[in-house]
Amino acid sequence: MRFFDPHDQLLITQRRLPHWAQDGCVVFITWRTSDSMARDVLERWRADRNHWLDIHGIDPTQKGWKMRVQELPPDLMVEYHDRFTTRWHEALDSGHGACVLAQNEIADLVSNSLLHFDGDRYEMLDFVIMPNHVHLLATFPDKAAMVEQCDSWKHFTARQINRRLGTQGRFWQQDAFDYLVRHEGQFRRLRDYIAQNPLKAGLRADQARLWSKAK
């Protein structure tokens, strides 16, 4: 299993969010439904985060700002993640939106899509399908494949889900959040986070879908 190497080649794709990719590296990815975050919650979170970054000399509108965050002293890194990463995930777990991924047939569509090319285009390690978002751990042999595969998953499942529900329009939020895993200990913590996410969010067993290659 390979983890992020700051000295190896890195592909950064800039969309609404910057996306980092590295050949064969374990990546933690989150994508959410378009109605999963209340606008006022999102705007307040983004304003607070940008203010904090500005205080510490980082401009979030500039390409490479995530690298600047990774270069912060350890105590500031901990503060950043405590104040913003943890808060972001707690907001998702609050269950905003229609939460249609809690329906078994919708979760089946997403689960089948995630596993369809496992062992071919990527290696799926773990995932959880929550009522309004998805977390997964995977590796991609080609660093250019990660963003393309996320686009493929989202496009295919959105079309199928809209057809099943008789709806139309954007189902998933445009960008995914991705994070290259730094070391074995971090990988184990993220795997545990995925496994415990439904319980911590107060969900019943039938409201989330868990899968792990470790089982």
N, C-alpha and C. Protein backbone atom coordinates (compact mmCIF):
# COMPACT_ATOMS: atom_id res chain seq x y z
N MET A 1 0.84 -1.19 0.00
CA MET A 1 0.00 0.00 0.00
C MET A 1 0.88 1.25 0.00
N ARG A 2 0.58 2.17 -0.88
CA ARG A 2 1.42 3.35 -1.05
C ARG A 2 0.73 4.59 -0.51
N PHE A 3 1.52 5.44 0.18
CA PHE A 3 0.99 6.67 0.74
C PHE A 3 1.67 7.88 0.10
N PHE A 4 1.11 9.05 0.37
CA PHE A 4 1.57 10.27 -0.27
C PHE A 4 3.07 10.50 -0.05
N ASP A 5 3.77 10.77 -1.15
CA ASP A 5 5.20 11.08 -1.12
C ASP A 5 5.38 12.50 -1.65
N PRO A 6 5.73 13.46 -0.77
CA PRO A 6 5.86 14.85 -1.22
C PRO A 6 6.96 15.07 -2.24
N HIS A 7 7.84 14.07 -2.41
CA HIS A 7 8.95 14.20 -3.35
C HIS A 7 8.66 13.57 -4.71
N ASP A 8 7.50 12.91 -4.82
CA ASP A 8 7.15 12.26 -6.08
C ASP A 8 6.24 13.17 -6.90
N GLN A 9 6.02 12.81 -8.16
CA GLN A 9 5.18 13.62 -9.05
C GLN A 9 3.75 13.70 -8.52
N LEU A 10 3.18 14.87 -8.63
CA LEU A 10 1.85 15.14 -8.12
C LEU A 10 1.05 15.87 -9.19
N LEU A 11 -0.18 15.41 -9.41
CA LEU A 11 -1.07 16.09 -10.35
C LEU A 11 -2.09 16.89 -9.55
N ILE A 12 -2.16 18.21 -9.79
CA ILE A 12 -3.13 19.06 -9.14
C ILE A 12 -4.11 19.57 -10.19
N THR A 13 -5.38 19.20 -10.03
CA THR A 13 -6.44 19.65 -10.93
C THR A 13 -7.27 20.69 -10.22
N GLN A 14 -7.34 21.88 -10.77
CA GLN A 14 -8.06 22.97 -10.11
C GLN A 14 -9.45 23.12 -10.70
N ARG A 15 -10.47 22.86 -9.88
CA ARG A 15 -11.85 23.14 -10.22
C ARG A 15 -12.37 24.10 -9.17
N ARG A 16 -13.58 23.88 -8.68
CA ARG A 16 -14.04 24.69 -7.55
C ARG A 16 -13.19 24.37 -6.32
N LEU A 17 -12.72 23.12 -6.25
CA LEU A 17 -11.78 22.69 -5.22
C LEU A 17 -10.53 22.17 -5.92
N PRO A 18 -9.36 22.30 -5.29
CA PRO A 18 -8.16 21.67 -5.87
C PRO A 18 -8.17 20.17 -5.58
N HIS A 19 -7.75 19.36 -6.56
CA HIS A 19 -7.71 17.91 -6.39
C HIS A 19 -6.28 17.43 -6.59
N TRP A 20 -5.76 16.71 -5.60
CA TRP A 20 -4.41 16.17 -5.69
C TRP A 20 -4.49 14.69 -6.04
N ALA A 21 -3.59 14.24 -6.90
CA ALA A 21 -3.54 12.82 -7.26
C ALA A 21 -2.10 12.39 -7.45
N GLN A 22 -1.82 11.16 -7.06
CA GLN A 22 -0.48 10.60 -7.20
C GLN A 22 -0.64 9.11 -7.49
N ASP A 23 0.15 8.61 -8.44
CA ASP A 23 0.02 7.23 -8.89
C ASP A 23 0.03 6.25 -7.71
N GLY A 24 -1.03 5.44 -7.60
CA GLY A 24 -1.06 4.36 -6.63
C GLY A 24 -1.26 4.75 -5.20
N CYS A 25 -1.44 6.03 -4.93
CA CYS A 25 -1.54 6.51 -3.55
C CYS A 25 -2.96 6.30 -3.00
N VAL A 26 -3.06 5.89 -1.74
CA VAL A 26 -4.37 5.76 -1.10
C VAL A 26 -4.99 7.15 -0.96
N VAL A 27 -6.24 7.28 -1.36
CA VAL A 27 -6.93 8.57 -1.29
C VAL A 27 -8.26 8.40 -0.58
N PHE A 28 -8.59 9.37 0.25
CA PHE A 28 -9.87 9.44 0.95
C PHE A 28 -10.74 10.44 0.20
N ILE A 29 -11.90 10.01 -0.27
CA ILE A 29 -12.76 10.84 -1.12
C ILE A 29 -14.15 10.95 -0.49
N THR A 30 -14.69 12.15 -0.54
CA THR A 30 -16.06 12.39 -0.07
C THR A 30 -16.82 13.11 -1.17
N TRP A 31 -18.00 12.62 -1.53
CA TRP A 31 -18.91 13.39 -2.36
C TRP A 31 -20.27 13.37 -1.73
N ARG A 32 -21.01 14.47 -1.97
CA ARG A 32 -22.26 14.68 -1.26
C ARG A 32 -23.37 15.09 -2.23
N THR A 33 -24.59 14.88 -1.80
CA THR A 33 -25.73 15.29 -2.62
C THR A 33 -25.82 16.81 -2.66
N SER A 34 -26.45 17.33 -3.67
CA SER A 34 -26.49 18.78 -3.87
C SER A 34 -27.30 19.50 -2.79
N ASP A 35 -28.16 18.76 -2.07
CA ASP A 35 -28.97 19.39 -1.02
C ASP A 35 -28.47 19.05 0.39
N SER A 36 -27.24 18.55 0.50
CA SER A 36 -26.75 18.01 1.78
C SER A 36 -26.25 19.05 2.76
N MET A 37 -26.06 20.28 2.31
CA MET A 37 -25.53 21.32 3.18
C MET A 37 -26.38 22.58 3.02
N ALA A 38 -26.96 23.05 4.12
CA ALA A 38 -27.75 24.29 4.07
C ALA A 38 -26.84 25.44 3.63
N ARG A 39 -27.35 26.31 2.77
CA ARG A 39 -26.54 27.38 2.21
C ARG A 39 -25.92 28.27 3.30
N ASP A 40 -26.70 28.62 4.32
CA ASP A 40 -26.17 29.51 5.35
C ASP A 40 -25.07 28.83 6.16
N VAL A 41 -25.20 27.51 6.39
CA VAL A 41 -24.17 26.76 7.10
C VAL A 41 -22.89 26.73 6.27
N LEU A 42 -23.04 26.45 4.97
CA LEU A 42 -21.88 26.38 4.09
C LEU A 42 -21.18 27.73 3.98
N GLU A 43 -21.94 28.80 3.81
CA GLU A 43 -21.34 30.13 3.67
C GLU A 43 -20.63 30.55 4.95
N ARG A 44 -21.19 30.23 6.10
CA ARG A 44 -20.56 30.58 7.37
C ARG A 44 -19.28 29.78 7.57
N TRP A 45 -19.34 28.49 7.22
CA TRP A 45 -18.15 27.64 7.33
C TRP A 45 -17.03 28.15 6.43
N ARG A 46 -17.37 28.47 5.18
CA ARG A 46 -16.36 28.94 4.23
C ARG A 46 -15.77 30.29 4.66
N ALA A 47 -16.61 31.18 5.15
CA ALA A 47 -16.12 32.49 5.60
C ALA A 47 -15.19 32.34 6.79
N ASP A 48 -15.54 31.48 7.73
CA ASP A 48 -14.69 31.25 8.91
C ASP A 48 -13.36 30.62 8.50
N ARG A 49 -13.43 29.64 7.59
CA ARG A 49 -12.20 28.99 7.13
C ARG A 49 -11.29 29.97 6.40
N ASN A 50 -11.85 30.75 5.49
CA ASN A 50 -11.04 31.70 4.72
C ASN A 50 -10.43 32.77 5.62
N HIS A 51 -11.17 33.18 6.63
CA HIS A 51 -10.63 34.16 7.58
C HIS A 51 -9.45 33.57 8.34
N TRP A 52 -9.60 32.33 8.78
CA TRP A 52 -8.51 31.66 9.50
C TRP A 52 -7.28 31.52 8.60
N LEU A 53 -7.50 31.10 7.35
CA LEU A 53 -6.38 30.95 6.42
C LEU A 53 -5.69 32.29 6.17
N ASP A 54 -6.48 33.34 6.02
CA ASP A 54 -5.92 34.68 5.78
C ASP A 54 -5.05 35.12 6.96
N ILE A 55 -5.49 34.86 8.16
CA ILE A 55 -4.72 35.21 9.36
C ILE A 55 -3.36 34.52 9.34
N HIS A 56 -3.32 33.30 8.78
CA HIS A 56 -2.09 32.52 8.77
C HIS A 56 -1.36 32.62 7.42
N GLY A 57 -1.69 33.66 6.65
CA GLY A 57 -0.93 33.97 5.44
C GLY A 57 -1.19 33.07 4.26
N ILE A 58 -2.38 32.45 4.18
CA ILE A 58 -2.71 31.55 3.08
C ILE A 58 -3.93 32.08 2.34
N ASP A 59 -3.81 32.24 1.03
CA ASP A 59 -4.90 32.73 0.19
C ASP A 59 -5.61 31.54 -0.45
N PRO A 60 -6.84 31.18 -0.02
CA PRO A 60 -7.52 29.99 -0.56
C PRO A 60 -7.96 30.13 -2.01
N THR A 61 -7.82 31.30 -2.60
CA THR A 61 -8.16 31.48 -4.01
C THR A 61 -6.98 31.16 -4.92
N GLN A 62 -5.80 30.95 -4.34
CA GLN A 62 -4.59 30.69 -5.12
C GLN A 62 -4.35 29.19 -5.26
N LYS A 63 -3.94 28.79 -6.46
CA LYS A 63 -3.61 27.39 -6.70
C LYS A 63 -2.48 26.96 -5.76
N GLY A 64 -2.64 25.79 -5.17
CA GLY A 64 -1.61 25.27 -4.27
C GLY A 64 -1.82 25.64 -2.80
N TRP A 65 -2.98 26.24 -2.47
CA TRP A 65 -3.16 26.64 -1.08
C TRP A 65 -3.23 25.45 -0.14
N LYS A 66 -3.69 24.30 -0.65
CA LYS A 66 -3.72 23.11 0.21
C LYS A 66 -2.32 22.67 0.61
N MET A 67 -1.37 22.84 -0.31
CA MET A 67 0.02 22.53 0.02
C MET A 67 0.51 23.43 1.14
N ARG A 68 0.10 24.69 1.11
CA ARG A 68 0.49 25.63 2.17
C ARG A 68 -0.06 25.18 3.53
N VAL A 69 -1.29 24.67 3.51
CA VAL A 69 -1.87 24.17 4.76
C VAL A 69 -1.05 23.00 5.29
N GLN A 70 -0.63 22.10 4.39
CA GLN A 70 0.16 20.94 4.83
C GLN A 70 1.53 21.33 5.38
N GLU A 71 1.99 22.52 5.04
CA GLU A 71 3.30 22.98 5.51
C GLU A 71 3.21 23.75 6.84
N LEU A 72 2.00 23.93 7.37
CA LEU A 72 1.84 24.61 8.64
C LEU A 72 2.47 23.80 9.77
N PRO A 73 2.87 24.44 10.86
CA PRO A 73 3.37 23.71 12.03
C PRO A 73 2.31 22.73 12.53
N PRO A 74 2.72 21.63 13.16
CA PRO A 74 1.77 20.59 13.58
C PRO A 74 0.62 21.11 14.43
N ASP A 75 0.89 22.06 15.34
CA ASP A 75 -0.20 22.55 16.20
C ASP A 75 -1.25 23.30 15.40
N LEU A 76 -0.82 24.03 14.36
CA LEU A 76 -1.79 24.74 13.52
C LEU A 76 -2.55 23.78 12.60
N MET A 77 -1.88 22.72 12.17
CA MET A 77 -2.57 21.69 11.38
C MET A 77 -3.69 21.06 12.19
N VAL A 78 -3.40 20.74 13.44
CA VAL A 78 -4.41 20.15 14.31
C VAL A 78 -5.57 21.13 14.50
N GLU A 79 -5.24 22.41 14.72
CA GLU A 79 -6.28 23.43 14.90
C GLU A 79 -7.14 23.55 13.65
N TYR A 80 -6.52 23.56 12.48
CA TYR A 80 -7.26 23.68 11.22
C TYR A 80 -8.27 22.53 11.07
N HIS A 81 -7.79 21.31 11.28
CA HIS A 81 -8.67 20.15 11.08
C HIS A 81 -9.75 20.08 12.16
N ASP A 82 -9.41 20.44 13.39
CA ASP A 82 -10.41 20.45 14.45
C ASP A 82 -11.51 21.47 14.16
N ARG A 83 -11.11 22.65 13.67
CA ARG A 83 -12.06 23.73 13.47
C ARG A 83 -12.87 23.61 12.19
N PHE A 84 -12.26 23.00 11.16
CA PHE A 84 -12.92 23.04 9.85
C PHE A 84 -13.23 21.66 9.26
N THR A 85 -12.28 20.74 9.25
CA THR A 85 -12.57 19.41 8.70
C THR A 85 -13.62 18.70 9.54
N THR A 86 -13.41 18.68 10.85
CA THR A 86 -14.36 18.01 11.74
C THR A 86 -15.74 18.67 11.66
N ARG A 87 -15.76 19.99 11.64
CA ARG A 87 -17.02 20.73 11.56
C ARG A 87 -17.76 20.43 10.26
N TRP A 88 -17.02 20.31 9.17
CA TRP A 88 -17.62 20.00 7.87
C TRP A 88 -18.33 18.66 7.91
N HIS A 89 -17.65 17.65 8.44
CA HIS A 89 -18.23 16.31 8.48
C HIS A 89 -19.41 16.24 9.45
N GLU A 90 -19.35 16.98 10.53
CA GLU A 90 -20.48 17.02 11.46
C GLU A 90 -21.71 17.64 10.79
N ALA A 91 -21.48 18.66 9.97
CA ALA A 91 -22.59 19.28 9.24
C ALA A 91 -23.23 18.29 8.27
N LEU A 92 -22.39 17.50 7.59
CA LEU A 92 -22.93 16.49 6.69
C LEU A 92 -23.74 15.44 7.46
N ASP A 93 -23.24 15.04 8.62
CA ASP A 93 -23.90 14.01 9.40
C ASP A 93 -25.19 14.48 10.05
N SER A 94 -25.47 15.78 9.99
CA SER A 94 -26.70 16.30 10.60
C SER A 94 -27.94 15.88 9.82
N GLY A 95 -27.75 15.38 8.59
CA GLY A 95 -28.87 14.83 7.82
C GLY A 95 -29.70 15.85 7.08
N HIS A 96 -29.06 16.89 6.58
CA HIS A 96 -29.79 17.90 5.81
C HIS A 96 -30.14 17.34 4.43
N GLY A 97 -31.26 17.79 3.88
CA GLY A 97 -31.66 17.38 2.54
C GLY A 97 -32.60 16.18 2.54
N ALA A 98 -32.91 15.68 1.36
CA ALA A 98 -33.87 14.58 1.21
C ALA A 98 -33.31 13.25 1.70
N CYS A 99 -32.00 13.09 1.73
CA CYS A 99 -31.33 11.88 2.26
C CYS A 99 -31.80 10.60 1.57
N VAL A 100 -31.92 10.64 0.24
CA VAL A 100 -32.45 9.49 -0.49
C VAL A 100 -31.48 8.31 -0.53
N LEU A 101 -30.19 8.55 -0.21
CA LEU A 101 -29.24 7.44 -0.22
C LEU A 101 -29.50 6.45 0.90
N ALA A 102 -30.39 6.82 1.85
CA ALA A 102 -30.78 5.89 2.91
C ALA A 102 -31.73 4.81 2.39
N GLN A 103 -32.29 5.02 1.19
CA GLN A 103 -33.18 4.02 0.60
C GLN A 103 -32.34 2.87 0.04
N ASN A 104 -32.73 1.64 0.32
CA ASN A 104 -31.93 0.49 -0.06
C ASN A 104 -31.67 0.41 -1.56
N GLU A 105 -32.68 0.67 -2.37
CA GLU A 105 -32.50 0.54 -3.82
C GLU A 105 -31.57 1.62 -4.37
N ILE A 106 -31.57 2.81 -3.73
CA ILE A 106 -30.66 3.87 -4.17
C ILE A 106 -29.24 3.55 -3.71
N ALA A 107 -29.11 3.07 -2.48
CA ALA A 107 -27.79 2.67 -1.99
C ALA A 107 -27.21 1.54 -2.84
N ASP A 108 -28.07 0.63 -3.30
CA ASP A 108 -27.62 -0.45 -4.18
C ASP A 108 -27.01 0.11 -5.47
N LEU A 109 -27.66 1.11 -6.07
CA LEU A 109 -27.15 1.72 -7.30
C LEU A 109 -25.74 2.27 -7.08
N VAL A 110 -25.56 3.00 -5.98
CA VAL A 110 -24.26 3.61 -5.70
C VAL A 110 -23.22 2.54 -5.38
N SER A 111 -23.58 1.58 -4.54
CA SER A 111 -22.65 0.52 -4.15
C SER A 111 -22.19 -0.28 -5.37
N ASN A 112 -23.13 -0.66 -6.23
CA ASN A 112 -22.78 -1.43 -7.43
C ASN A 112 -21.86 -0.64 -8.36
N SER A 113 -22.09 0.66 -8.45
CA SER A 113 -21.24 1.50 -9.28
C SER A 113 -19.82 1.58 -8.72
N LEU A 114 -19.70 1.74 -7.40
CA LEU A 114 -18.39 1.83 -6.77
C LEU A 114 -17.57 0.56 -6.95
N LEU A 115 -18.25 -0.57 -7.01
CA LEU A 115 -17.54 -1.85 -7.09
C LEU A 115 -17.40 -2.38 -8.52
N HIS A 116 -18.04 -1.72 -9.47
CA HIS A 116 -18.12 -2.27 -10.83
C HIS A 116 -16.75 -2.48 -11.46
N PHE A 117 -15.84 -1.51 -11.33
CA PHE A 117 -14.51 -1.62 -11.93
C PHE A 117 -13.42 -1.84 -10.89
N ASP A 118 -13.82 -2.32 -9.70
CA ASP A 118 -12.83 -2.63 -8.67
C ASP A 118 -11.89 -3.73 -9.16
N GLY A 119 -10.58 -3.48 -9.02
CA GLY A 119 -9.59 -4.43 -9.51
C GLY A 119 -9.20 -4.22 -10.95
N ASP A 120 -9.87 -3.30 -11.62
CA ASP A 120 -9.57 -2.98 -13.02
C ASP A 120 -9.07 -1.54 -13.13
N ARG A 121 -9.97 -0.58 -12.96
CA ARG A 121 -9.58 0.83 -13.05
C ARG A 121 -9.01 1.37 -11.73
N TYR A 122 -9.33 0.71 -10.63
CA TYR A 122 -8.94 1.17 -9.30
C TYR A 122 -9.05 0.00 -8.34
N GLU A 123 -8.56 0.18 -7.13
CA GLU A 123 -8.80 -0.78 -6.06
C GLU A 123 -9.61 -0.09 -4.97
N MET A 124 -10.81 -0.58 -4.75
CA MET A 124 -11.65 -0.05 -3.69
C MET A 124 -11.26 -0.72 -2.37
N LEU A 125 -11.06 0.08 -1.34
CA LEU A 125 -10.64 -0.45 -0.05
C LEU A 125 -11.78 -0.43 0.97
N ASP A 126 -12.47 0.68 1.07
CA ASP A 126 -13.58 0.83 2.02
C ASP A 126 -14.53 1.89 1.49
N PHE A 127 -15.81 1.77 1.84
CA PHE A 127 -16.71 2.90 1.61
C PHE A 127 -17.89 2.81 2.57
N VAL A 128 -18.52 3.96 2.78
CA VAL A 128 -19.79 4.03 3.47
C VAL A 128 -20.70 4.96 2.66
N ILE A 129 -21.92 4.51 2.45
CA ILE A 129 -22.93 5.32 1.79
C ILE A 129 -23.87 5.83 2.88
N MET A 130 -23.73 7.10 3.22
CA MET A 130 -24.56 7.74 4.22
C MET A 130 -25.81 8.31 3.54
N PRO A 131 -26.81 8.78 4.30
CA PRO A 131 -28.04 9.26 3.66
C PRO A 131 -27.87 10.40 2.66
N ASN A 132 -26.83 11.25 2.83
CA ASN A 132 -26.65 12.36 1.89
C ASN A 132 -25.21 12.53 1.42
N HIS A 133 -24.35 11.55 1.67
CA HIS A 133 -22.97 11.64 1.19
C HIS A 133 -22.30 10.27 1.18
N VAL A 134 -21.15 10.21 0.55
CA VAL A 134 -20.37 8.98 0.42
C VAL A 134 -18.93 9.26 0.84
N HIS A 135 -18.35 8.38 1.65
CA HIS A 135 -16.93 8.41 1.95
C HIS A 135 -16.31 7.13 1.38
N LEU A 136 -15.11 7.22 0.81
CA LEU A 136 -14.44 6.01 0.34
C LEU A 136 -12.93 6.14 0.44
N LEU A 137 -12.28 5.01 0.55
CA LEU A 137 -10.83 4.89 0.46
C LEU A 137 -10.52 4.00 -0.74
N ALA A 138 -9.63 4.46 -1.62
CA ALA A 138 -9.31 3.70 -2.83
C ALA A 138 -7.91 4.08 -3.31
N THR A 139 -7.41 3.29 -4.24
CA THR A 139 -6.16 3.63 -4.93
C THR A 139 -6.41 3.61 -6.43
N PHE A 140 -5.69 4.47 -7.13
CA PHE A 140 -5.80 4.58 -8.59
C PHE A 140 -4.40 4.45 -9.18
N PRO A 141 -4.17 3.51 -10.10
CA PRO A 141 -2.82 3.31 -10.63
C PRO A 141 -2.28 4.51 -11.39
N ASP A 142 -3.17 5.27 -12.01
CA ASP A 142 -2.78 6.44 -12.80
C ASP A 142 -3.35 7.68 -12.13
N LYS A 143 -2.48 8.65 -11.81
CA LYS A 143 -2.94 9.83 -11.08
C LYS A 143 -3.99 10.64 -11.84
N ALA A 144 -4.02 10.50 -13.16
CA ALA A 144 -5.03 11.23 -13.94
C ALA A 144 -6.41 10.58 -13.85
N ALA A 145 -6.45 9.34 -13.33
CA ALA A 145 -7.70 8.58 -13.36
C ALA A 145 -8.65 8.93 -12.23
N MET A 146 -8.14 9.49 -11.14
CA MET A 146 -8.97 9.69 -9.96
C MET A 146 -10.15 10.63 -10.24
N VAL A 147 -9.87 11.84 -10.74
CA VAL A 147 -10.93 12.81 -11.00
C VAL A 147 -11.86 12.29 -12.08
N GLU A 148 -11.31 11.66 -13.11
CA GLU A 148 -12.14 11.10 -14.18
C GLU A 148 -13.10 10.04 -13.65
N GLN A 149 -12.59 9.18 -12.75
CA GLN A 149 -13.44 8.12 -12.21
C GLN A 149 -14.52 8.68 -11.30
N CYS A 150 -14.18 9.68 -10.50
CA CYS A 150 -15.20 10.32 -9.67
C CYS A 150 -16.31 10.94 -10.53
N ASP A 151 -15.91 11.59 -11.62
CA ASP A 151 -16.89 12.15 -12.54
C ASP A 151 -17.78 11.05 -13.12
N SER A 152 -17.17 9.91 -13.45
CA SER A 152 -17.91 8.80 -14.03
C SER A 152 -18.91 8.23 -13.02
N TRP A 153 -18.46 7.99 -11.79
CA TRP A 153 -19.36 7.49 -10.75
C TRP A 153 -20.56 8.41 -10.57
N LYS A 154 -20.26 9.71 -10.45
CA LYS A 154 -21.32 10.67 -10.15
C LYS A 154 -22.29 10.83 -11.33
N HIS A 155 -21.75 10.86 -12.54
CA HIS A 155 -22.61 11.02 -13.72
C HIS A 155 -23.53 9.82 -13.87
N PHE A 156 -22.97 8.61 -13.76
CA PHE A 156 -23.77 7.40 -13.95
C PHE A 156 -24.83 7.27 -12.87
N THR A 157 -24.42 7.42 -11.59
CA THR A 157 -25.38 7.22 -10.50
C THR A 157 -26.44 8.32 -10.48
N ALA A 158 -26.06 9.56 -10.82
CA ALA A 158 -27.05 10.64 -10.84
C ALA A 158 -28.14 10.34 -11.87
N ARG A 159 -27.74 9.87 -13.04
CA ARG A 159 -28.71 9.55 -14.09
C ARG A 159 -29.65 8.42 -13.63
N GLN A 160 -29.07 7.38 -13.02
CA GLN A 160 -29.87 6.25 -12.57
C GLN A 160 -30.80 6.63 -11.42
N ILE A 161 -30.29 7.43 -10.48
CA ILE A 161 -31.09 7.82 -9.33
C ILE A 161 -32.23 8.74 -9.76
N ASN A 162 -31.95 9.70 -10.60
CA ASN A 162 -33.01 10.59 -11.10
C ASN A 162 -34.09 9.79 -11.83
N ARG A 163 -33.66 8.81 -12.59
CA ARG A 163 -34.64 7.97 -13.30
C ARG A 163 -35.48 7.19 -12.31
N ARG A 164 -34.84 6.64 -11.29
CA ARG A 164 -35.57 5.86 -10.29
C ARG A 164 -36.56 6.72 -9.50
N LEU A 165 -36.15 7.95 -9.19
CA LEU A 165 -37.00 8.83 -8.38
C LEU A 165 -37.98 9.66 -9.21
N GLY A 166 -37.81 9.65 -10.52
CA GLY A 166 -38.64 10.48 -11.38
C GLY A 166 -38.33 11.95 -11.25
N THR A 167 -37.06 12.26 -10.99
CA THR A 167 -36.62 13.65 -10.83
C THR A 167 -35.63 13.99 -11.93
N GLN A 168 -35.19 15.24 -11.96
CA GLN A 168 -34.19 15.66 -12.92
C GLN A 168 -33.33 16.77 -12.32
N GLY A 169 -32.25 17.10 -13.01
CA GLY A 169 -31.36 18.14 -12.50
C GLY A 169 -30.18 17.54 -11.74
N ARG A 170 -29.36 18.42 -11.19
CA ARG A 170 -28.14 17.99 -10.51
C ARG A 170 -28.47 17.22 -9.25
N PHE A 171 -27.89 16.03 -9.12
CA PHE A 171 -28.09 15.24 -7.90
C PHE A 171 -26.92 15.40 -6.94
N TRP A 172 -25.68 15.29 -7.45
CA TRP A 172 -24.49 15.42 -6.62
C TRP A 172 -23.95 16.84 -6.68
N GLN A 173 -23.34 17.27 -5.59
CA GLN A 173 -22.60 18.52 -5.60
C GLN A 173 -21.47 18.40 -6.62
N GLN A 174 -21.13 19.49 -7.28
CA GLN A 174 -20.23 19.44 -8.44
C GLN A 174 -18.89 18.81 -8.13
N ASP A 175 -18.22 19.25 -7.08
CA ASP A 175 -16.88 18.76 -6.78
C ASP A 175 -16.89 17.76 -5.63
N ALA A 176 -15.91 16.87 -5.64
CA ALA A 176 -15.68 15.97 -4.52
C ALA A 176 -14.53 16.53 -3.68
N PHE A 177 -14.47 16.11 -2.43
CA PHE A 177 -13.34 16.43 -1.57
C PHE A 177 -12.42 15.21 -1.56
N ASP A 178 -11.14 15.40 -1.80
CA ASP A 178 -10.22 14.28 -1.77
C ASP A 178 -8.97 14.63 -0.97
N TYR A 179 -8.38 13.61 -0.37
CA TYR A 179 -7.23 13.81 0.51
C TYR A 179 -6.29 12.62 0.35
N LEU A 180 -5.03 12.88 -0.02
CA LEU A 180 -4.04 11.82 -0.16
C LEU A 180 -3.55 11.41 1.23
N VAL A 181 -3.69 10.14 1.53
CA VAL A 181 -3.37 9.62 2.87
C VAL A 181 -1.86 9.61 3.07
N ARG A 182 -1.42 10.11 4.22
CA ARG A 182 0.01 10.33 4.48
C ARG A 182 0.76 9.11 4.98
N HIS A 183 0.14 8.26 5.79
CA HIS A 183 0.87 7.14 6.40
C HIS A 183 -0.11 6.09 6.89
N GLU A 184 0.41 4.96 7.32
CA GLU A 184 -0.40 3.82 7.75
C GLU A 184 -1.34 4.18 8.89
N GLY A 185 -0.82 4.92 9.87
CA GLY A 185 -1.65 5.30 11.00
C GLY A 185 -2.85 6.12 10.58
N GLN A 186 -2.65 7.05 9.66
CA GLN A 186 -3.74 7.87 9.17
C GLN A 186 -4.75 7.02 8.38
N PHE A 187 -4.24 6.09 7.60
CA PHE A 187 -5.12 5.19 6.87
C PHE A 187 -6.02 4.41 7.82
N ARG A 188 -5.45 3.90 8.90
CA ARG A 188 -6.24 3.14 9.87
C ARG A 188 -7.30 4.01 10.54
N ARG A 189 -6.95 5.26 10.82
CA ARG A 189 -7.92 6.17 11.44
C ARG A 189 -9.07 6.47 10.48
N LEU A 190 -8.75 6.67 9.19
CA LEU A 190 -9.79 6.95 8.21
C LEU A 190 -10.67 5.72 7.96
N ARG A 191 -10.06 4.54 7.96
CA ARG A 191 -10.84 3.31 7.82
C ARG A 191 -11.80 3.16 9.01
N ASP A 192 -11.30 3.47 10.20
CA ASP A 192 -12.15 3.40 11.39
C ASP A 192 -13.25 4.46 11.32
N TYR A 193 -12.91 5.66 10.82
CA TYR A 193 -13.92 6.72 10.70
C TYR A 193 -15.06 6.27 9.79
N ILE A 194 -14.73 5.66 8.65
CA ILE A 194 -15.75 5.15 7.74
C ILE A 194 -16.62 4.11 8.44
N ALA A 195 -16.00 3.18 9.15
CA ALA A 195 -16.73 2.10 9.81
C ALA A 195 -17.66 2.63 10.90
N GLN A 196 -17.23 3.68 11.60
CA GLN A 196 -17.99 4.21 12.73
C GLN A 196 -18.95 5.33 12.35
N ASN A 197 -18.86 5.84 11.12
CA ASN A 197 -19.64 7.01 10.72
C ASN A 197 -21.16 6.84 10.94
N PRO A 198 -21.76 5.71 10.54
CA PRO A 198 -23.21 5.58 10.77
C PRO A 198 -23.58 5.62 12.25
N LEU A 199 -22.79 4.95 13.09
CA LEU A 199 -23.07 4.93 14.52
C LEU A 199 -22.94 6.32 15.12
N LYS A 200 -21.87 7.04 14.77
CA LYS A 200 -21.66 8.39 15.31
C LYS A 200 -22.74 9.36 14.85
N ALA A 201 -23.31 9.11 13.66
CA ALA A 201 -24.37 9.97 13.16
C ALA A 201 -25.74 9.57 13.70
N GLY A 202 -25.79 8.52 14.52
CA GLY A 202 -27.05 8.10 15.12
C GLY A 202 -27.99 7.40 14.17
N LEU A 203 -27.44 6.70 13.16
CA LEU A 203 -28.28 6.04 12.17
C LEU A 203 -28.59 4.60 12.56
N ARG A 204 -29.72 4.12 12.07
CA ARG A 204 -30.01 2.70 12.19
C ARG A 204 -29.17 1.93 11.17
N ALA A 205 -29.05 0.62 11.37
CA ALA A 205 -28.23 -0.20 10.47
C ALA A 205 -28.71 -0.15 9.04
N ASP A 206 -30.03 0.03 8.83
CA ASP A 206 -30.58 0.02 7.48
C ASP A 206 -30.54 1.39 6.81
N GLN A 207 -29.95 2.40 7.46
CA GLN A 207 -29.90 3.75 6.88
C GLN A 207 -28.55 4.06 6.25
N ALA A 208 -27.60 3.15 6.29
CA ALA A 208 -26.28 3.36 5.69
C ALA A 208 -25.79 2.03 5.12
N ARG A 209 -24.84 2.12 4.21
CA ARG A 209 -24.27 0.94 3.56
C ARG A 209 -22.76 0.95 3.76
N LEU A 210 -22.26 -0.06 4.46
CA LEU A 210 -20.82 -0.18 4.73
C LEU A 210 -20.24 -1.32 3.90
N TRP A 211 -19.00 -1.08 3.40
CA TRP A 211 -18.29 -2.13 2.67
C TRP A 211 -16.80 -1.97 2.94
N SER A 212 -16.11 -3.08 3.15
CA SER A 212 -14.67 -3.04 3.36
C SER A 212 -14.02 -4.28 2.75
N LYS A 213 -12.92 -4.06 2.05
CA LYS A 213 -12.17 -5.19 1.49
C LYS A 213 -11.49 -5.98 2.59
N ALA A 214 -11.33 -5.36 3.76
CA ALA A 214 -10.67 -6.04 4.88
C ALA A 214 -11.53 -7.15 5.45
N LYS A 215 -12.83 -7.15 5.18
CA LYS A 215 -13.73 -8.16 5.74
C LYS A 215 -13.71 -9.43 4.92
